[in-house]
C-alpha atoms as a PDB file:
ATOM      1  CA  UNK A   1      16.869 -15.490  40.672  1.00  0.00           C
ATOM      2  CA  UNK A   2      14.017 -14.707  42.979  1.00  0.00           C
ATOM      3  CA  UNK A   3      11.334 -17.266  43.680  1.00  0.00           C
ATOM      4  CA  UNK A   4       8.543 -15.377  41.904  1.00  0.00           C
ATOM      5  CA  UNK A   5      10.459 -15.262  38.624  1.00  0.00           C
ATOM      6  CA  UNK A   6      11.289 -18.939  38.947  1.00  0.00           C
ATOM      7  CA  UNK A   7       7.648 -19.905  39.544  1.00  0.00           C
ATOM      8  CA  UNK A   8       6.442 -17.748  36.648  1.00  0.00           C
ATOM      9  CA  UNK A   9       8.966 -19.334  34.295  1.00  0.00           C
ATOM     10  CA  UNK A  10       7.912 -22.833  35.420  1.00  0.00           C
ATOM     11  CA  UNK A  11       4.244 -22.098  34.787  1.00  0.00           C
ATOM     12  CA  UNK A  12       4.907 -20.440  31.424  1.00  0.00           C
ATOM     13  CA  UNK A  13       6.796 -23.563  30.422  1.00  0.00           C
ATOM     14  CA  UNK A  14       3.886 -25.719  31.596  1.00  0.00           C
ATOM     15  CA  UNK A  15       1.352 -23.707  29.598  1.00  0.00           C
ATOM     16  CA  UNK A  16       3.616 -23.783  26.540  1.00  0.00           C
ATOM     17  CA  UNK A  17       3.833 -27.559  26.790  1.00  0.00           C
ATOM     18  CA  UNK A  18       0.047 -27.865  26.874  1.00  0.00           C
ATOM     19  CA  UNK A  19      -0.123 -26.021  23.562  1.00  0.00           C
ATOM     20  CA  UNK A  20       2.785 -28.104  22.186  1.00  0.00           C
ATOM     21  CA  UNK A  21       5.014 -25.008  21.883  1.00  0.00           C
ATOM     22  CA  UNK A  22       8.269 -26.708  22.766  1.00  0.00           C
ATOM     23  CA  UNK A  23      10.332 -23.929  21.204  1.00  0.00           C
ATOM     24  CA  UNK A  24       8.792 -21.513  23.721  1.00  0.00           C
ATOM     25  CA  UNK A  25       9.748 -23.857  26.554  1.00  0.00           C
ATOM     26  CA  UNK A  26      13.353 -23.769  25.354  1.00  0.00           C
ATOM     27  CA  UNK A  27      13.341 -19.981  25.081  1.00  0.00           C
ATOM     28  CA  UNK A  28      11.870 -19.507  28.561  1.00  0.00           C
ATOM     29  CA  UNK A  29      14.346 -21.959  30.103  1.00  0.00           C
ATOM     30  CA  UNK A  30      17.256 -20.351  28.274  1.00  0.00           C
ATOM     31  CA  UNK A  31      16.334 -16.783  29.159  1.00  0.00           C
ATOM     32  CA  UNK A  32      15.582 -17.616  32.798  1.00  0.00           C
ATOM     33  CA  UNK A  33      18.819 -19.579  33.091  1.00  0.00           C
ATOM     34  CA  UNK A  34      20.800 -16.770  31.485  1.00  0.00           C
ATOM     35  CA  UNK A  35      19.246 -14.070  33.655  1.00  0.00           C
ATOM     36  CA  UNK A  36      19.749 -15.986  36.885  1.00  0.00           C
ATOM     37  CA  UNK A  37      23.453 -16.700  36.180  1.00  0.00           C
ATOM     38  CA  UNK A  38      23.184 -19.820  38.342  1.00  0.00           C
ATOM     39  CA  UNK A  39      23.803 -23.314  37.048  1.00  0.00           C
ATOM     40  CA  UNK A  40      21.208 -24.850  39.338  1.00  0.00           C
ATOM     41  CA  UNK A  41      18.380 -22.785  37.834  1.00  0.00           C
ATOM     42  CA  UNK A  42      19.405 -23.733  34.310  1.00  0.00           C
ATOM     43  CA  UNK A  43      19.642 -27.403  35.304  1.00  0.00           C
ATOM     44  CA  UNK A  44      16.261 -27.401  37.079  1.00  0.00           C
ATOM     45  CA  UNK A  45      14.484 -25.676  34.174  1.00  0.00           C
ATOM     46  CA  UNK A  46      16.183 -27.954  31.654  1.00  0.00           C
ATOM     47  CA  UNK A  47      15.197 -31.016  33.657  1.00  0.00           C
ATOM     48  CA  UNK A  48      11.630 -29.746  33.845  1.00  0.00           C
ATOM     49  CA  UNK A  49      11.544 -29.181  30.092  1.00  0.00           C
ATOM     50  CA  UNK A  50      12.811 -32.694  29.407  1.00  0.00           C
ATOM     51  CA  UNK A  51      10.345 -34.287  31.836  1.00  0.00           C
ATOM     52  CA  UNK A  52       7.400 -32.331  30.438  1.00  0.00           C
ATOM     53  CA  UNK A  53       8.437 -33.181  26.874  1.00  0.00           C
ATOM     54  CA  UNK A  54       8.520 -36.905  27.603  1.00  0.00           C
ATOM     55  CA  UNK A  55       5.270 -37.058  29.559  1.00  0.00           C
ATOM     56  CA  UNK A  56       3.271 -34.951  27.090  1.00  0.00           C
ATOM     57  CA  UNK A  57       0.850 -37.058  25.142  1.00  0.00           C
ATOM     58  CA  UNK A  58       1.035 -39.932  27.616  1.00  0.00           C
ATOM     59  CA  UNK A  59      -1.163 -41.006  30.481  1.00  0.00           C
ATOM     60  CA  UNK A  60       1.087 -39.096  32.894  1.00  0.00           C
ATOM     61  CA  UNK A  61       0.493 -35.684  31.316  1.00  0.00           C
ATOM     62  CA  UNK A  62      -1.746 -34.573  34.184  1.00  0.00           C
ATOM     63  CA  UNK A  63       1.164 -34.979  36.620  1.00  0.00           C
ATOM     64  CA  UNK A  64       2.964 -31.955  35.176  1.00  0.00           C
ATOM     65  CA  UNK A  65       1.761 -29.704  37.998  1.00  0.00           C
ATOM     66  CA  UNK A  66       3.149 -32.110  40.583  1.00  0.00           C
ATOM     67  CA  UNK A  67       6.499 -32.194  38.829  1.00  0.00           C
ATOM     68  CA  UNK A  68       6.486 -28.380  38.869  1.00  0.00           C
ATOM     69  CA  UNK A  69       5.694 -28.340  42.598  1.00  0.00           C
ATOM     70  CA  UNK A  70       8.510 -30.775  43.361  1.00  0.00           C
ATOM     71  CA  UNK A  71      10.998 -28.708  41.352  1.00  0.00           C
ATOM     72  CA  UNK A  72       9.915 -25.513  43.129  1.00  0.00           C
ATOM     73  CA  UNK A  73      10.552 -27.229  46.463  1.00  0.00           C
ATOM     74  CA  UNK A  74      13.959 -28.400  45.186  1.00  0.00           C
ATOM     75  CA  UNK A  75      14.760 -24.814  44.171  1.00  0.00           C
ATOM     76  CA  UNK A  76      13.749 -23.541  47.613  1.00  0.00           C
ATOM     77  CA  UNK A  77      15.893 -26.156  49.337  1.00  0.00           C
ATOM     78  CA  UNK A  78      18.906 -25.321  47.175  1.00  0.00           C
ATOM     79  CA  UNK A  79      18.506 -21.582  47.826  1.00  0.00           C
ATOM     80  CA  UNK A  80      17.983 -21.877  51.570  1.00  0.00           C
ATOM     81  CA  UNK A  81      21.695 -21.602  52.378  1.00  0.00           C
ATOM     82  CA  UNK A  82      22.395 -18.736  49.993  1.00  0.00           C
ATOM     83  CA  UNK A  83      19.519 -16.583  51.268  1.00  0.00           C
ATOM     84  CA  UNK A  84      20.697 -16.650  54.889  1.00  0.00           C
ATOM     85  CA  UNK A  85      24.200 -15.511  53.900  1.00  0.00           C
ATOM     86  CA  UNK A  86      22.833 -12.564  51.927  1.00  0.00           C
ATOM     87  CA  UNK A  87      20.597 -11.356  54.739  1.00  0.00           C
ATOM     88  CA  UNK A  88      23.364 -11.463  57.355  1.00  0.00           C
ATOM     89  CA  UNK A  89      25.567  -9.185  55.285  1.00  0.00           C
ATOM     90  CA  UNK A  90      22.874  -6.520  54.871  1.00  0.00           C
ATOM     91  CA  UNK A  91      22.780  -5.212  58.397  1.00  0.00           C
ATOM     92  CA  UNK A  92      22.234  -7.876  60.966  1.00  0.00           C
ATOM     93  CA  UNK A  93      21.089  -7.260  64.512  1.00  0.00           C
ATOM     94  CA  UNK A  94      24.544  -6.594  65.945  1.00  0.00           C
ATOM     95  CA  UNK A  95      24.342  -2.811  65.614  1.00  0.00           C
ATOM     96  CA  UNK A  96      20.767  -1.645  65.224  1.00  0.00           C
ATOM     97  CA  UNK A  97      21.505   2.066  65.036  1.00  0.00           C
ATOM     98  CA  UNK A  98      24.229   1.916  62.401  1.00  0.00           C
ATOM     99  CA  UNK A  99      26.913   3.681  64.481  1.00  0.00           C
ATOM    100  CA  UNK A 100      24.849   6.867  64.772  1.00  0.00           C
ATOM    101  CA  UNK A 101      25.744   7.560  68.385  1.00  0.00           C
ATOM    102  CA  UNK A 102      29.470   6.799  68.284  1.00  0.00           C
ATOM    103  CA  UNK A 103      30.464  10.434  67.673  1.00  0.00           C
ATOM    104  CA  UNK A 104      28.621  11.758  70.723  1.00  0.00           C
ATOM    105  CA  UNK A 105      30.173  11.993  74.149  1.00  0.00           C
ATOM    106  CA  UNK A 106      33.525  12.940  75.494  1.00  0.00           C
END
């Protein structure tokens, strides 16, 4: 899952919790977790839903944005290793010209 989709799903869940639409939080977490096909995304969104559910209506309700920011940082840290492996396989800097000149010459 790309970072933009993850951030949008976090903020949709936060807005849904402010309107007490907990069913929408579950749907957003489920769909985002299903689309990403990664356990860590499903776990992070589920954890966020549980935290937001328990702090709603309490004195700590205003800290929801900070919880979201911390979970976005956790997602970035967990995806740091996977992103570097994907970019190395795309082309790399080893052969910049993609073997275009190998057929020339005698």
